[in-house]
Amino acid sequence: MSKLVEAPLIKGVSEYSTVREVKGPLIIIERTRGVAYGEIGVVTGPDGIPRTVQVVEVGENFAVAQVLTGTLGLPALGSTVRFYGETLKVPVSEEFIGRVLDGKGAPRDGLPLPPAEDYRDIMGEPLNPYTRIPPNEPIETGISGIDAMFTMVRGQKLPIFSGSGLPHNLVAAQVARQATVPGKEEDFVIVFVGIGLKMEEALFFLNEFKKTGALRRLVVVLNLANDPVAERILAPRIGLTIAEYLAWEKGYHVLAILTDMTNYCEGLRELSSSKGELPGRRGYPGYMYTDLATIYERCGKVVGKKGSLTQFPILTMPHDDITHPIPDLSGYITEGQIILSRALWGKGIYPPIDVVGEFVGVASLSRLMKDAVGEGKTREDHKYVGNQLVAAYAKAVEIRKLAILVGEANLGWRERRYLRFADAFERRFLSQGFYERRTFEQTLDLAWEVLSILPEDELTLVPPDLTKRYYRRSVFESIKDEAVAK
């Protein structure tokens, strides 16, 4: 029997030989009684091979179940289905850290599963909203563009909105390799879930994690593009079930990276179409918002629990369209977004974080950052520096457009300083190496270096006492002397 259904106790068994139809990843069973939505079972065909199934629709005298391992070679005639009166559960263990699993929770690294410490429902345990603690502690990703202006907060769900061909896989691998909670590194774990990945993408992640030693603190769940579509629906839930156990029972601070949620939604659309459901926007099921919420909302901090669970989902916007249902609905549920810019990537900037919304008209944002930075958490100037960087860069972008119309030579000296700042911000601050890790302190020091290109009286969002302490007048003066010499 599949590892998915090896729960220690089975409530009751019902058996049916009334499979009417095999339709894509689904089987339709007639004359059922008492079968419940979400119940699991096993279908056995004439070949004698058992395949795990899960009920996805019930009606009067019939049930529809998805075959989690695919229906290839499974006929309707001669097949028998047994239901067990249980929901889908997976074994969980602290020893999963350092392991590579497939989308069903079975080993993909050739090693046996460790002994199960418990079995958990893949839909997770509902959290009482009263017990939730507002997220207010930072995660250091080591990427300046994120840490300075869009700080990730423990318990937050902060997605990346990317486009086809942009380096979201590089960003995901870099965050998985170097993210940490300062001062609590030994209690920090990454759960990396690959959804519908091509083989070359999966090999890239595995090789990167093994080569750098990051696999020691990772749980990797990999679902490949050629795996059954039902497994694509399971993969994020398997990963999050393991993450919840590590966070709530073992006290770890867990960061769950989910890539690519667009592949998940495509699988959801395929499954919905197989069931004959009426499509919603652009063919996606009308309940996709609710379905995504069952994934995104599985994070946070809880009263009485030492650990925390943070989500970093990554999704690619079809045709770079942020109004597409996938990014649109995700934006309603999550607490901000980091958007990657095709224009910056074309200029050789990595990571190409779209700070002010030039690419798709929506700026990057972390709604919870203000509560997680400052004295005692990062540094006392962090919030002000982040706001000043965004404001100054937004102004510089507008001056760039003006310079195209009137020519840079016709701009005032302050405007030319903003142009100089914009170039330094992109090339010196935003851009960093794939294997370059910067601490909060290093990031903020570098931010002051590029901000000091501007006149001191332009830093209106930073309190004067902080400006006096951190502003580097030597940078400003050296550029001034350089201009005079010219």
Protein backbone atom coordinates (compact mmCIF):
# COMPACT_ATOMS: atom_id res chain seq x y z
CA MET A 1 0.00 0.00 0.00
CA SER A 2 1.19 3.54 -0.71
CA LYS A 3 3.00 5.43 2.02
CA LEU A 4 0.24 8.00 1.76
CA VAL A 5 -2.30 5.65 3.31
CA GLU A 6 -0.17 3.83 5.85
CA ALA A 7 -1.95 5.58 8.72
CA PRO A 8 -1.85 3.56 11.92
CA LEU A 9 -5.63 3.15 12.17
CA ILE A 10 -8.29 2.47 9.51
CA LYS A 11 -11.86 3.28 10.53
CA GLY A 12 -13.78 1.20 8.02
CA VAL A 13 -13.55 -0.33 4.58
CA SER A 14 -16.07 -0.23 1.72
CA GLU A 15 -15.46 -1.91 -1.62
CA TYR A 16 -16.90 -1.20 -5.07
CA SER A 17 -16.50 -2.90 -8.45
CA THR A 18 -18.67 -0.30 -10.18
CA VAL A 19 -16.10 1.89 -11.89
CA ARG A 20 -18.09 3.42 -14.76
CA GLU A 21 -15.40 5.48 -16.47
CA VAL A 22 -11.73 6.41 -16.39
CA LYS A 23 -11.47 10.04 -17.47
CA GLY A 24 -8.00 11.56 -17.52
CA PRO A 25 -6.69 11.46 -13.92
CA LEU A 26 -10.18 10.65 -12.58
CA ILE A 27 -12.31 7.57 -12.08
CA ILE A 28 -16.10 7.67 -11.69
CA ILE A 29 -17.63 5.09 -9.35
CA GLU A 30 -21.36 4.32 -9.38
CA ARG A 31 -23.72 3.13 -6.63
CA THR A 32 -21.59 4.43 -3.76
CA ARG A 33 -22.93 4.96 -0.26
CA GLY A 34 -21.39 6.96 2.56
CA VAL A 35 -18.25 7.92 0.64
CA ALA A 36 -17.01 11.34 1.82
CA TYR A 37 -15.21 14.18 0.07
CA GLY A 38 -11.45 13.90 0.63
CA GLU A 39 -11.63 10.23 1.60
CA ILE A 40 -8.80 8.03 0.37
CA GLY A 41 -8.75 4.53 -1.01
CA VAL A 42 -7.04 2.20 -3.44
CA VAL A 43 -8.11 1.18 -6.94
CA THR A 44 -6.78 -2.13 -8.23
CA GLY A 45 -7.04 -2.97 -11.93
CA PRO A 46 -6.79 -6.34 -13.69
CA ASP A 47 -2.99 -5.98 -13.57
CA GLY A 48 -3.14 -6.22 -9.76
CA ILE A 49 -1.30 -2.93 -9.23
CA PRO A 50 -2.81 -0.84 -6.36
CA ARG A 51 -3.12 2.89 -7.01
CA THR A 52 -3.98 5.43 -4.32
CA VAL A 53 -7.11 7.52 -4.96
CA GLN A 54 -8.72 10.50 -3.27
CA VAL A 55 -12.38 11.50 -3.56
CA VAL A 56 -12.78 14.93 -5.18
CA GLU A 57 -16.54 14.95 -5.76
CA VAL A 58 -19.53 13.10 -4.28
CA GLY A 59 -23.15 12.94 -5.30
CA GLU A 60 -26.20 10.80 -4.83
CA ASN A 61 -25.11 7.24 -5.73
CA PHE A 62 -21.77 8.22 -7.29
CA ALA A 63 -18.29 9.47 -6.41
CA VAL A 64 -15.42 10.90 -8.43
CA ALA A 65 -11.86 10.15 -7.29
CA GLN A 66 -8.49 11.29 -8.60
CA VAL A 67 -5.83 8.62 -9.04
CA LEU A 68 -2.72 10.05 -7.43
CA THR A 69 -0.28 7.89 -9.37
CA GLY A 70 -1.90 8.23 -12.80
CA THR A 71 -4.44 6.15 -14.70
CA LEU A 72 -2.16 4.81 -17.45
CA GLY A 73 -3.11 1.17 -18.07
CA LEU A 74 -6.13 1.30 -15.76
CA PRO A 75 -9.42 0.20 -17.41
CA ALA A 76 -12.88 0.72 -15.96
CA LEU A 77 -13.89 -2.89 -16.52
CA GLY A 78 -12.42 -5.22 -13.93
CA SER A 79 -11.21 -2.52 -11.53
CA THR A 80 -12.06 -2.56 -7.83
CA VAL A 81 -12.00 0.41 -5.45
CA ARG A 82 -11.67 0.17 -1.69
CA PHE A 83 -12.27 3.21 0.54
CA TYR A 84 -10.93 3.35 4.09
CA GLY A 85 -12.92 6.06 5.85
CA GLU A 86 -9.78 8.19 6.30
CA THR A 87 -8.51 11.42 4.86
CA LEU A 88 -5.13 11.66 3.16
CA LYS A 89 -2.31 11.60 5.72
CA VAL A 90 1.45 11.62 5.34
CA PRO A 91 4.19 10.52 7.73
CA VAL A 92 6.18 13.37 9.26
CA SER A 93 9.51 13.35 11.04
CA GLU A 94 12.32 15.69 12.03
CA GLU A 95 14.60 13.34 10.08
CA PHE A 96 13.06 14.58 6.83
CA ILE A 97 15.54 17.48 7.06
CA GLY A 98 18.21 16.81 4.44
CA ARG A 99 15.96 14.53 2.39
CA VAL A 100 14.52 14.76 -1.13
CA LEU A 101 10.93 13.57 -1.64
CA ASP A 102 8.56 13.40 -4.59
CA GLY A 103 5.16 15.09 -4.83
CA LYS A 104 3.50 12.20 -2.96
CA GLY A 105 5.93 12.31 -0.05
CA ALA A 106 7.86 9.21 -1.16
CA PRO A 107 11.69 9.24 -1.27
CA ARG A 108 13.27 10.60 -4.46
CA ASP A 109 16.86 10.28 -3.20
CA GLY A 110 16.98 6.46 -3.16
CA LEU A 111 17.00 6.22 0.64
CA PRO A 112 14.24 4.67 2.79
CA LEU A 113 11.83 6.94 4.61
CA PRO A 114 12.76 7.53 8.26
CA PRO A 115 10.39 6.12 10.88
CA ALA A 116 7.26 8.24 11.13
CA GLU A 117 6.99 10.32 14.27
CA ASP A 118 3.37 11.10 13.44
CA TYR A 119 0.83 11.11 10.60
CA ARG A 120 -0.71 14.43 9.58
CA ASP A 121 -3.62 15.35 7.30
CA ILE A 122 -2.28 17.08 4.20
CA MET A 123 -4.93 19.81 4.50
CA GLY A 124 -3.29 20.96 7.72
CA GLU A 125 -4.60 21.86 11.13
CA PRO A 126 -6.87 24.94 11.23
CA LEU A 127 -5.38 27.66 13.42
CA ASN A 128 -7.62 29.61 15.76
CA PRO A 129 -7.28 33.26 14.60
CA TYR A 130 -7.24 34.32 18.25
CA THR A 131 -3.98 32.39 18.79
CA ARG A 132 -2.16 34.02 15.87
CA ILE A 133 0.60 36.52 16.69
CA PRO A 134 1.13 39.46 14.29
CA PRO A 135 4.44 38.81 12.46
CA ASN A 136 7.09 41.27 13.66
CA GLU A 137 10.52 39.63 13.36
CA PRO A 138 12.71 39.71 10.22
CA ILE A 139 14.29 37.03 8.06
CA GLU A 140 17.62 37.93 6.51
CA THR A 141 17.70 36.69 2.90
CA GLY A 142 21.16 38.10 2.19
CA ILE A 143 19.78 39.92 -0.88
CA SER A 144 20.00 43.71 -0.49
CA GLY A 145 17.06 44.48 -2.78
CA ILE A 146 14.78 42.43 -0.52
CA ASP A 147 16.28 43.06 2.91
CA ALA A 148 16.51 46.86 2.66
CA MET A 149 13.14 47.79 1.14
CA PHE A 150 10.87 44.70 1.23
CA THR A 151 12.03 42.86 4.31
CA MET A 152 10.64 39.35 4.73
CA VAL A 153 8.96 38.84 8.10
CA ARG A 154 8.68 35.60 10.04
CA GLY A 155 5.11 34.35 9.59
CA GLN A 156 4.52 36.38 6.42
CA LYS A 157 3.53 35.19 2.94
CA LEU A 158 5.58 37.22 0.47
CA PRO A 159 5.45 36.05 -3.16
CA ILE A 160 7.66 36.75 -6.16
CA PHE A 161 5.80 37.74 -9.33
CA SER A 162 8.02 36.92 -12.28
CA GLY A 163 7.82 36.46 -16.04
CA SER A 164 8.94 33.75 -18.41
CA GLY A 165 12.71 33.87 -18.89
CA LEU A 166 13.38 35.96 -15.77
CA PRO A 167 15.73 34.59 -13.08
CA HIS A 168 13.16 33.58 -10.46
CA ASN A 169 14.81 30.15 -10.15
CA LEU A 170 18.13 31.82 -9.35
CA VAL A 171 16.47 34.00 -6.70
CA ALA A 172 14.69 30.97 -5.20
CA ALA A 173 17.95 29.00 -5.03
CA GLN A 174 19.86 31.94 -3.55
CA VAL A 175 17.24 32.54 -0.85
CA ALA A 176 17.09 28.82 -0.05
CA ARG A 177 20.86 28.72 0.27
CA GLN A 178 21.51 31.83 2.37
CA ALA A 179 18.32 32.95 4.19
CA THR A 180 18.45 32.79 7.98
CA VAL A 181 17.15 34.26 11.22
CA PRO A 182 20.06 36.23 12.75
CA GLY A 183 21.05 34.70 16.06
CA LYS A 184 18.86 31.61 15.58
CA GLU A 185 20.59 29.95 12.64
CA GLU A 186 20.46 26.47 14.19
CA ASP A 187 16.65 26.66 14.48
CA PHE A 188 16.09 27.71 10.86
CA VAL A 189 14.90 25.21 8.20
CA ILE A 190 13.88 25.58 4.56
CA VAL A 191 11.12 23.48 2.99
CA PHE A 192 11.60 23.77 -0.77
CA VAL A 193 8.66 22.63 -2.92
CA GLY A 194 9.14 22.38 -6.69
CA ILE A 195 5.81 22.16 -8.53
CA GLY A 196 5.66 20.93 -12.13
CA LEU A 197 9.37 21.57 -12.72
CA LYS A 198 11.14 20.58 -15.90
CA MET A 199 13.93 18.07 -15.38
CA GLU A 200 16.64 20.65 -16.03
CA GLU A 201 15.13 22.96 -13.40
CA ALA A 202 14.94 20.15 -10.83
CA LEU A 203 18.55 19.15 -11.52
CA PHE A 204 19.66 22.78 -11.17
CA PHE A 205 18.11 23.07 -7.72
CA LEU A 206 19.38 19.67 -6.52
CA ASN A 207 22.91 20.27 -7.78
CA GLU A 208 22.96 23.74 -6.26
CA PHE A 209 21.77 22.52 -2.85
CA LYS A 210 24.20 19.60 -2.79
CA LYS A 211 27.19 21.58 -4.09
CA THR A 212 26.83 24.34 -1.52
CA GLY A 213 25.90 22.10 1.40
CA ALA A 214 22.51 23.81 1.77
CA LEU A 215 20.72 20.45 1.61
CA ARG A 216 21.69 19.82 5.25
CA ARG A 217 18.97 22.22 6.40
CA LEU A 218 16.44 21.64 3.60
CA VAL A 219 13.46 19.39 3.07
CA VAL A 220 13.04 19.17 -0.71
CA VAL A 221 9.73 18.10 -2.29
CA LEU A 222 10.07 17.82 -6.08
CA ASN A 223 7.16 17.32 -8.45
CA LEU A 224 8.21 17.07 -12.09
CA ALA A 225 6.31 18.20 -15.17
CA ASN A 226 5.86 14.61 -16.35
CA ASP A 227 4.40 13.42 -13.04
CA PRO A 228 0.63 12.87 -12.81
CA VAL A 229 -1.38 16.08 -12.51
CA ALA A 230 -2.91 14.87 -9.23
CA GLU A 231 0.59 14.84 -7.72
CA ARG A 232 1.01 18.49 -8.69
CA ILE A 233 -2.01 19.30 -6.52
CA LEU A 234 -0.55 17.30 -3.64
CA ALA A 235 3.04 18.59 -3.69
CA PRO A 236 2.57 21.97 -1.95
CA ARG A 237 0.31 20.40 0.66
CA ILE A 238 2.81 17.62 1.36
CA GLY A 239 5.56 20.21 1.80
CA LEU A 240 3.47 22.47 4.02
CA THR A 241 2.34 19.55 6.18
CA ILE A 242 5.98 18.71 6.90
CA ALA A 243 6.73 22.43 7.45
CA GLU A 244 3.87 22.76 9.95
CA TYR A 245 5.10 19.78 11.92
CA LEU A 246 8.63 21.18 12.10
CA ALA A 247 7.34 24.62 13.09
CA TRP A 248 4.58 23.82 15.58
CA GLU A 249 5.90 20.57 17.10
CA LYS A 250 9.70 20.86 16.76
CA GLY A 251 10.11 24.61 17.27
CA TYR A 252 11.87 25.44 14.00
CA HIS A 253 11.59 28.71 12.14
CA VAL A 254 10.56 27.36 8.74
CA LEU A 255 10.69 29.15 5.39
CA ALA A 256 8.59 27.38 2.73
CA ILE A 257 9.60 28.22 -0.85
CA LEU A 258 6.95 27.16 -3.39
CA THR A 259 7.85 27.32 -7.07
CA ASP A 260 6.07 27.57 -9.46
CA MET A 261 2.51 28.25 -8.25
CA THR A 262 1.46 28.91 -11.85
CA ASN A 263 2.12 25.23 -12.59
CA TYR A 264 -0.07 24.36 -9.60
CA CYS A 265 -2.93 26.49 -10.95
CA GLU A 266 -2.58 24.94 -14.40
CA GLY A 267 -2.93 21.52 -12.78
CA LEU A 268 -5.98 22.73 -10.87
CA ARG A 269 -7.53 23.91 -14.14
CA GLU A 270 -6.81 20.56 -15.81
CA LEU A 271 -8.37 18.65 -12.94
CA SER A 272 -11.42 20.94 -12.93
CA SER A 273 -11.86 20.46 -16.68
CA SER A 274 -11.67 16.67 -16.28
CA LYS A 275 -14.52 16.85 -13.75
CA GLY A 276 -16.63 18.82 -16.23
CA GLU A 277 -16.94 21.88 -14.00
CA LEU A 278 -18.01 25.20 -15.44
CA PRO A 279 -14.90 27.34 -15.98
CA GLY A 280 -14.39 30.77 -14.44
CA ARG A 281 -11.97 33.50 -15.55
CA ARG A 282 -9.77 32.32 -18.44
CA GLY A 283 -10.81 28.73 -17.90
CA TYR A 284 -9.67 28.48 -14.28
CA PRO A 285 -12.16 27.07 -11.75
CA GLY A 286 -14.31 29.59 -9.93
CA TYR A 287 -13.06 28.31 -6.58
CA MET A 288 -9.37 28.96 -7.36
CA TYR A 289 -9.24 31.88 -4.89
CA THR A 290 -10.44 29.62 -2.07
CA ASP A 291 -8.11 26.84 -3.14
CA LEU A 292 -5.08 29.16 -3.17
CA ALA A 293 -6.09 30.48 0.25
CA THR A 294 -5.94 26.92 1.65
CA ILE A 295 -2.24 26.98 0.72
CA TYR A 296 -1.19 30.58 1.37
CA GLU A 297 -2.90 30.83 4.75
CA ARG A 298 -0.90 27.93 6.18
CA CYS A 299 1.72 30.14 7.78
CA GLY A 300 2.20 32.49 10.70
CA LYS A 301 3.20 32.60 14.35
CA VAL A 302 1.11 31.07 17.13
CA VAL A 303 0.76 31.76 20.84
CA GLY A 304 2.63 29.16 22.87
CA LYS A 305 4.64 27.84 19.90
CA LYS A 306 8.36 28.51 19.64
CA GLY A 307 8.53 28.11 15.86
CA SER A 308 7.12 30.03 12.93
CA LEU A 309 6.17 29.29 9.31
CA THR A 310 6.87 31.78 6.52
CA GLN A 311 5.93 31.36 2.87
CA PHE A 312 7.88 32.55 -0.18
CA PRO A 313 5.74 31.44 -3.15
CA ILE A 314 6.99 32.13 -6.67
CA LEU A 315 4.69 32.44 -9.66
CA THR A 316 5.26 33.34 -13.29
CA MET A 317 2.75 35.76 -14.81
CA PRO A 318 1.49 34.45 -18.18
CA HIS A 319 2.39 37.03 -20.86
CA ASP A 320 3.75 39.32 -18.09
CA ASP A 321 0.12 40.13 -17.22
CA ILE A 322 -0.31 41.02 -13.57
CA THR A 323 -4.10 41.11 -14.06
CA HIS A 324 -4.06 37.39 -14.94
CA PRO A 325 -6.15 35.40 -12.41
CA ILE A 326 -3.13 33.70 -10.81
CA PRO A 327 -1.16 36.81 -9.72
CA ASP A 328 -4.39 38.78 -9.27
CA LEU A 329 -5.91 36.33 -6.78
CA SER A 330 -2.54 35.69 -5.11
CA GLY A 331 -2.15 39.43 -4.53
CA TYR A 332 -5.43 39.54 -2.61
CA ILE A 333 -4.30 36.81 -0.20
CA THR A 334 -0.61 37.56 0.34
CA GLU A 335 1.01 40.42 2.25
CA GLY A 336 2.89 42.15 -0.52
CA GLN A 337 4.85 41.06 -3.56
CA ILE A 338 8.33 41.24 -5.06
CA ILE A 339 8.19 41.84 -8.79
CA LEU A 340 11.04 41.02 -11.16
CA SER A 341 11.71 43.49 -14.00
CA ARG A 342 12.42 42.43 -17.55
CA ALA A 343 13.98 45.86 -18.26
CA LEU A 344 16.49 45.56 -15.40
CA TRP A 345 17.31 41.98 -16.37
CA GLY A 346 17.98 43.20 -19.90
CA LYS A 347 20.49 45.69 -18.45
CA GLY A 348 22.35 42.89 -16.68
CA ILE A 349 21.03 43.68 -13.19
CA TYR A 350 20.64 40.64 -10.91
CA PRO A 351 18.39 40.28 -9.02
CA PRO A 352 16.20 42.53 -11.22
CA ILE A 353 13.76 43.69 -8.52
CA ASP A 354 11.21 46.18 -9.82
CA VAL A 355 11.20 48.73 -7.00
CA VAL A 356 8.73 51.32 -8.32
CA GLY A 357 6.54 49.36 -10.77
CA GLU A 358 8.16 50.22 -14.11
CA PHE A 359 7.63 46.71 -15.50
CA VAL A 360 3.96 45.85 -14.87
CA GLY A 361 2.70 49.08 -13.27
CA VAL A 362 2.64 47.64 -9.74
CA ALA A 363 5.50 48.28 -7.33
CA SER A 364 7.16 45.72 -5.09
CA LEU A 365 5.91 45.88 -1.51
CA SER A 366 6.18 44.17 1.87
CA ARG A 367 3.16 45.20 3.94
CA LEU A 368 4.54 43.85 7.21
CA MET A 369 8.07 45.25 6.94
CA LYS A 370 7.41 48.30 9.14
CA ASP A 371 6.76 46.09 12.17
CA ALA A 372 9.87 43.94 11.73
CA VAL A 373 12.72 46.45 11.32
CA GLY A 374 14.33 49.02 13.53
CA GLU A 375 16.35 49.14 16.72
CA GLY A 376 16.71 45.76 18.39
CA LYS A 377 15.63 43.92 15.25
CA THR A 378 17.82 45.15 12.39
CA ARG A 379 19.10 48.73 12.85
CA GLU A 380 17.48 51.98 13.98
CA ASP A 381 17.74 53.59 10.53
CA HIS A 382 16.36 50.66 8.53
CA LYS A 383 12.75 51.76 8.03
CA TYR A 384 13.73 55.30 7.06
CA VAL A 385 16.50 54.18 4.71
CA GLY A 386 14.16 51.76 2.95
CA ASN A 387 11.53 54.45 2.42
CA GLN A 388 14.15 56.96 1.26
CA LEU A 389 15.64 54.54 -1.27
CA VAL A 390 12.23 53.90 -2.84
CA ALA A 391 11.30 57.59 -2.92
CA ALA A 392 14.65 58.70 -4.34
CA TYR A 393 14.68 56.00 -7.01
CA ALA A 394 11.09 56.83 -8.01
CA LYS A 395 12.09 60.47 -8.48
CA ALA A 396 15.21 59.45 -10.41
CA VAL A 397 13.15 57.33 -12.80
CA GLU A 398 10.96 60.36 -13.59
CA ILE A 399 14.05 62.52 -14.15
CA ARG A 400 15.41 59.89 -16.54
CA LYS A 401 12.28 60.25 -18.64
CA LEU A 402 12.66 64.02 -18.57
CA ALA A 403 16.30 63.73 -19.64
CA ILE A 404 15.22 61.78 -22.72
CA LEU A 405 13.00 64.71 -23.76
CA VAL A 406 15.21 67.72 -22.97
CA GLY A 407 18.68 66.21 -22.77
CA GLU A 408 20.78 65.64 -19.67
CA ALA A 409 22.82 68.81 -20.31
CA ASN A 410 19.69 70.92 -19.83
CA LEU A 411 18.98 69.52 -16.37
CA GLY A 412 19.97 71.22 -13.12
CA TRP A 413 22.78 69.87 -10.96
CA ARG A 414 20.34 68.28 -8.51
CA GLU A 415 18.59 66.40 -11.29
CA ARG A 416 21.93 65.18 -12.59
CA ARG A 417 22.73 63.95 -9.08
CA TYR A 418 19.53 61.88 -9.15
CA LEU A 419 20.62 60.34 -12.44
CA ARG A 420 23.96 59.48 -10.85
CA PHE A 421 22.11 58.01 -7.86
CA ALA A 422 19.85 55.86 -10.09
CA ASP A 423 22.84 54.30 -11.84
CA ALA A 424 24.62 53.61 -8.56
CA PHE A 425 21.43 52.24 -6.99
CA GLU A 426 20.99 49.73 -9.83
CA ARG A 427 24.63 48.79 -10.43
CA ARG A 428 26.03 49.04 -6.91
CA PHE A 429 23.13 48.37 -4.56
CA LEU A 430 20.48 46.25 -6.34
CA SER A 431 22.96 44.20 -8.32
CA GLN A 432 24.87 41.54 -6.46
CA GLY A 433 26.45 38.19 -7.22
CA PHE A 434 24.55 34.91 -7.13
CA TYR A 435 26.91 33.68 -4.41
CA GLU A 436 27.23 37.06 -2.67
CA ARG A 437 25.57 37.25 0.73
CA ARG A 438 25.07 40.58 2.52
CA THR A 439 24.02 41.00 6.13
CA PHE A 440 21.51 43.63 7.21
CA GLU A 441 24.42 45.77 8.41
CA GLN A 442 26.26 45.51 5.08
CA THR A 443 23.08 46.25 3.14
CA LEU A 444 22.28 49.38 5.15
CA ASP A 445 25.85 50.66 4.94
CA LEU A 446 25.75 50.21 1.16
CA ALA A 447 22.38 52.01 1.06
CA TRP A 448 23.92 55.04 2.78
CA GLU A 449 26.79 54.96 0.32
CA VAL A 450 24.44 55.39 -2.66
CA LEU A 451 22.11 57.80 -0.84
CA SER A 452 25.10 60.04 -0.06
CA ILE A 453 25.36 60.78 -3.79
CA LEU A 454 22.33 63.03 -3.22
CA PRO A 455 22.50 66.35 -1.36
CA GLU A 456 21.86 65.91 2.34
CA ASP A 457 18.76 68.12 2.26
CA GLU A 458 17.13 65.73 -0.25
CA LEU A 459 16.88 62.97 2.37
CA THR A 460 13.58 64.22 3.74
CA LEU A 461 12.32 60.81 4.94
CA VAL A 462 15.22 60.22 7.35
CA PRO A 463 15.29 61.95 10.77
CA PRO A 464 18.08 64.57 10.95
CA ASP A 465 19.90 62.82 13.79
CA LEU A 466 20.17 59.60 11.74
CA THR A 467 21.25 61.52 8.64
CA LYS A 468 23.96 63.25 10.67
CA ARG A 469 25.20 59.89 11.94
CA TYR A 470 25.20 57.87 8.72
CA TYR A 471 25.38 60.33 5.80
CA ARG A 472 28.75 60.09 4.02
CA ARG A 473 29.71 63.64 3.08
CA SER A 474 32.95 62.39 1.57
CA VAL A 475 30.94 60.61 -1.17
CA PHE A 476 28.95 63.76 -1.94
CA GLU A 477 32.06 65.96 -1.96
CA SER A 478 34.07 63.61 -4.19
CA ILE A 479 31.36 63.72 -6.85
CA LYS A 480 31.15 67.51 -6.47
CA ASP A 481 34.93 67.82 -6.99
CA GLU A 482 34.72 65.48 -9.97
CA ALA A 483 32.04 67.69 -11.57
CA VAL A 484 34.12 70.86 -11.01
CA ALA A 485 37.16 69.22 -12.60
CA LYS A 486 35.16 68.45 -15.72
